[in-house]
Amino acid sequence: MRTTITIEDDVLQRARTVSSNLKKPFRLIINSALRLGLEQVEKPSKRKTYTTKPKPMGLKQGYEIDNIHELLDRIDEEGSR
């Protein structure tokens, strides 16, 4: 089947170079490249799921979470030392 498409210059040159190097017809190279490319487009990329392992942090001894303002003040004081 014949159709008209616009191929960017760098892609066209690369296809011609591959065709010449492999001594295969240009149309065969283009069709092969399109098949491979379409397979890649159809496949979802395989990504590993990012997971973290929670660890209990707790509070330093002597700190209580009952009065958050006091806790924040104490933390600020320690940070400025």
C-alpha atoms as a PDB file:
ATOM      1  CA  MET A   1       0.000   0.000   0.000  1.00  0.00           C
ATOM      2  CA  ARG A   2       1.309   3.420  -0.853  1.00  0.00           C
ATOM      3  CA  THR A   3       0.931   6.398   1.429  1.00  0.00           C
ATOM      4  CA  THR A   4       2.636   9.744   1.900  1.00  0.00           C
ATOM      5  CA  ILE A   5       4.276  10.629   5.191  1.00  0.00           C
ATOM      6  CA  THR A   6       6.700  13.311   6.284  1.00  0.00           C
ATOM      7  CA  ILE A   7       9.962  11.964   7.681  1.00  0.00           C
ATOM      8  CA  GLU A   8      12.341  14.307   9.431  1.00  0.00           C
ATOM      9  CA  ASP A   9      15.723  14.778   7.764  1.00  0.00           C
ATOM     10  CA  ASP A  10      17.801  13.097  10.477  1.00  0.00           C
ATOM     11  CA  VAL A  11      15.555  10.012  10.494  1.00  0.00           C
ATOM     12  CA  LEU A  12      15.587   9.811   6.704  1.00  0.00           C
ATOM     13  CA  GLN A  13      19.380  10.033   6.578  1.00  0.00           C
ATOM     14  CA  ARG A  14      19.752   7.384   9.260  1.00  0.00           C
ATOM     15  CA  ALA A  15      17.376   5.031   7.421  1.00  0.00           C
ATOM     16  CA  ARG A  16      19.277   5.546   4.186  1.00  0.00           C
ATOM     17  CA  THR A  17      22.583   4.854   5.950  1.00  0.00           C
ATOM     18  CA  VAL A  18      21.224   1.652   7.512  1.00  0.00           C
ATOM     19  CA  SER A  19      19.814   0.594   4.148  1.00  0.00           C
ATOM     20  CA  SER A  20      23.184   1.151   2.512  1.00  0.00           C
ATOM     21  CA  ASN A  21      25.182  -0.552   5.269  1.00  0.00           C
ATOM     22  CA  LEU A  22      22.945  -3.617   5.323  1.00  0.00           C
ATOM     23  CA  LYS A  23      22.548  -3.616   1.535  1.00  0.00           C
ATOM     24  CA  LYS A  24      18.793  -3.975   1.926  1.00  0.00           C
ATOM     25  CA  PRO A  25      15.998  -2.034   0.216  1.00  0.00           C
ATOM     26  CA  PHE A  26      15.058   1.267   1.799  1.00  0.00           C
ATOM     27  CA  ARG A  27      11.379   0.276   2.054  1.00  0.00           C
ATOM     28  CA  LEU A  28      12.344  -2.887   3.971  1.00  0.00           C
ATOM     29  CA  ILE A  29      14.355  -0.843   6.474  1.00  0.00           C
ATOM     30  CA  ILE A  30      11.510   1.652   6.964  1.00  0.00           C
ATOM     31  CA  ASN A  31       8.902  -1.107   7.434  1.00  0.00           C
ATOM     32  CA  SER A  32      11.131  -3.008   9.888  1.00  0.00           C
ATOM     33  CA  ALA A  33      11.839   0.140  11.882  1.00  0.00           C
ATOM     34  CA  LEU A  34       8.140   1.019  12.018  1.00  0.00           C
ATOM     35  CA  ARG A  35       7.222  -2.477  13.199  1.00  0.00           C
ATOM     36  CA  LEU A  36       9.832  -2.375  15.959  1.00  0.00           C
ATOM     37  CA  GLY A  37       8.855   1.140  16.945  1.00  0.00           C
ATOM     38  CA  LEU A  38       5.154   0.347  17.071  1.00  0.00           C
ATOM     39  CA  GLU A  39       5.833  -2.690  19.279  1.00  0.00           C
ATOM     40  CA  GLN A  40       7.673  -0.434  21.721  1.00  0.00           C
ATOM     41  CA  VAL A  41       4.887   2.159  21.682  1.00  0.00           C
ATOM     42  CA  GLU A  42       2.262  -0.484  22.422  1.00  0.00           C
ATOM     43  CA  LYS A  43       4.164  -2.016  25.348  1.00  0.00           C
ATOM     44  CA  PRO A  44       3.906  -0.200  28.657  1.00  0.00           C
ATOM     45  CA  SER A  45       7.291   0.545  30.143  1.00  0.00           C
ATOM     46  CA  LYS A  46       8.347  -1.809  32.908  1.00  0.00           C
ATOM     47  CA  ARG A  47       9.009   0.242  36.000  1.00  0.00           C
ATOM     48  CA  LYS A  48       9.757  -1.051  39.405  1.00  0.00           C
ATOM     49  CA  THR A  49       7.302   0.079  42.022  1.00  0.00           C
ATOM     50  CA  TYR A  50       8.982   2.400  44.491  1.00  0.00           C
ATOM     51  CA  THR A  51       8.346   1.355  48.049  1.00  0.00           C
ATOM     52  CA  THR A  52       9.627   2.469  51.407  1.00  0.00           C
ATOM     53  CA  LYS A  53       9.728   0.596  54.649  1.00  0.00           C
ATOM     54  CA  PRO A  54       8.301   2.554  57.557  1.00  0.00           C
ATOM     55  CA  LYS A  55      10.274   2.608  60.771  1.00  0.00           C
ATOM     56  CA  PRO A  56       8.977   3.675  64.156  1.00  0.00           C
ATOM     57  CA  MET A  57      10.603   6.985  65.037  1.00  0.00           C
ATOM     58  CA  GLY A  58       9.027   7.806  68.365  1.00  0.00           C
ATOM     59  CA  LEU A  59       9.959  10.798  70.483  1.00  0.00           C
ATOM     60  CA  LYS A  60      13.117  11.400  72.472  1.00  0.00           C
ATOM     61  CA  GLN A  61      12.795  10.559  76.110  1.00  0.00           C
ATOM     62  CA  GLY A  62      11.410  13.502  78.067  1.00  0.00           C
ATOM     63  CA  TYR A  63       9.346  14.819  75.161  1.00  0.00           C
ATOM     64  CA  GLU A  64       5.585  14.553  75.058  1.00  0.00           C
ATOM     65  CA  ILE A  65       3.228  15.120  72.196  1.00  0.00           C
ATOM     66  CA  ASP A  66       0.380  16.298  74.409  1.00  0.00           C
ATOM     67  CA  ASN A  67       1.461  19.951  74.122  1.00  0.00           C
ATOM     68  CA  ILE A  68       2.598  20.445  70.534  1.00  0.00           C
ATOM     69  CA  HIS A  69       3.554  24.106  71.041  1.00  0.00           C
ATOM     70  CA  GLU A  70       5.915  23.225  73.871  1.00  0.00           C
ATOM     71  CA  LEU A  71       7.377  20.369  71.827  1.00  0.00           C
ATOM     72  CA  LEU A  72       8.018  22.661  68.851  1.00  0.00           C
ATOM     73  CA  ASP A  73       9.598  25.303  71.091  1.00  0.00           C
ATOM     74  CA  ARG A  74      11.976  22.724  72.573  1.00  0.00           C
ATOM     75  CA  ILE A  75      12.920  21.449  69.124  1.00  0.00           C
ATOM     76  CA  ASP A  76      13.578  25.025  67.935  1.00  0.00           C
ATOM     77  CA  GLU A  77      15.770  25.691  70.965  1.00  0.00           C
ATOM     78  CA  GLU A  78      17.833  22.567  70.265  1.00  0.00           C
ATOM     79  CA  GLY A  79      18.252  23.512  66.628  1.00  0.00           C
ATOM     80  CA  SER A  80      19.645  26.951  67.453  1.00  0.00           C
ATOM     81  CA  ARG A  81      22.399  25.568  69.708  1.00  0.00           C
END
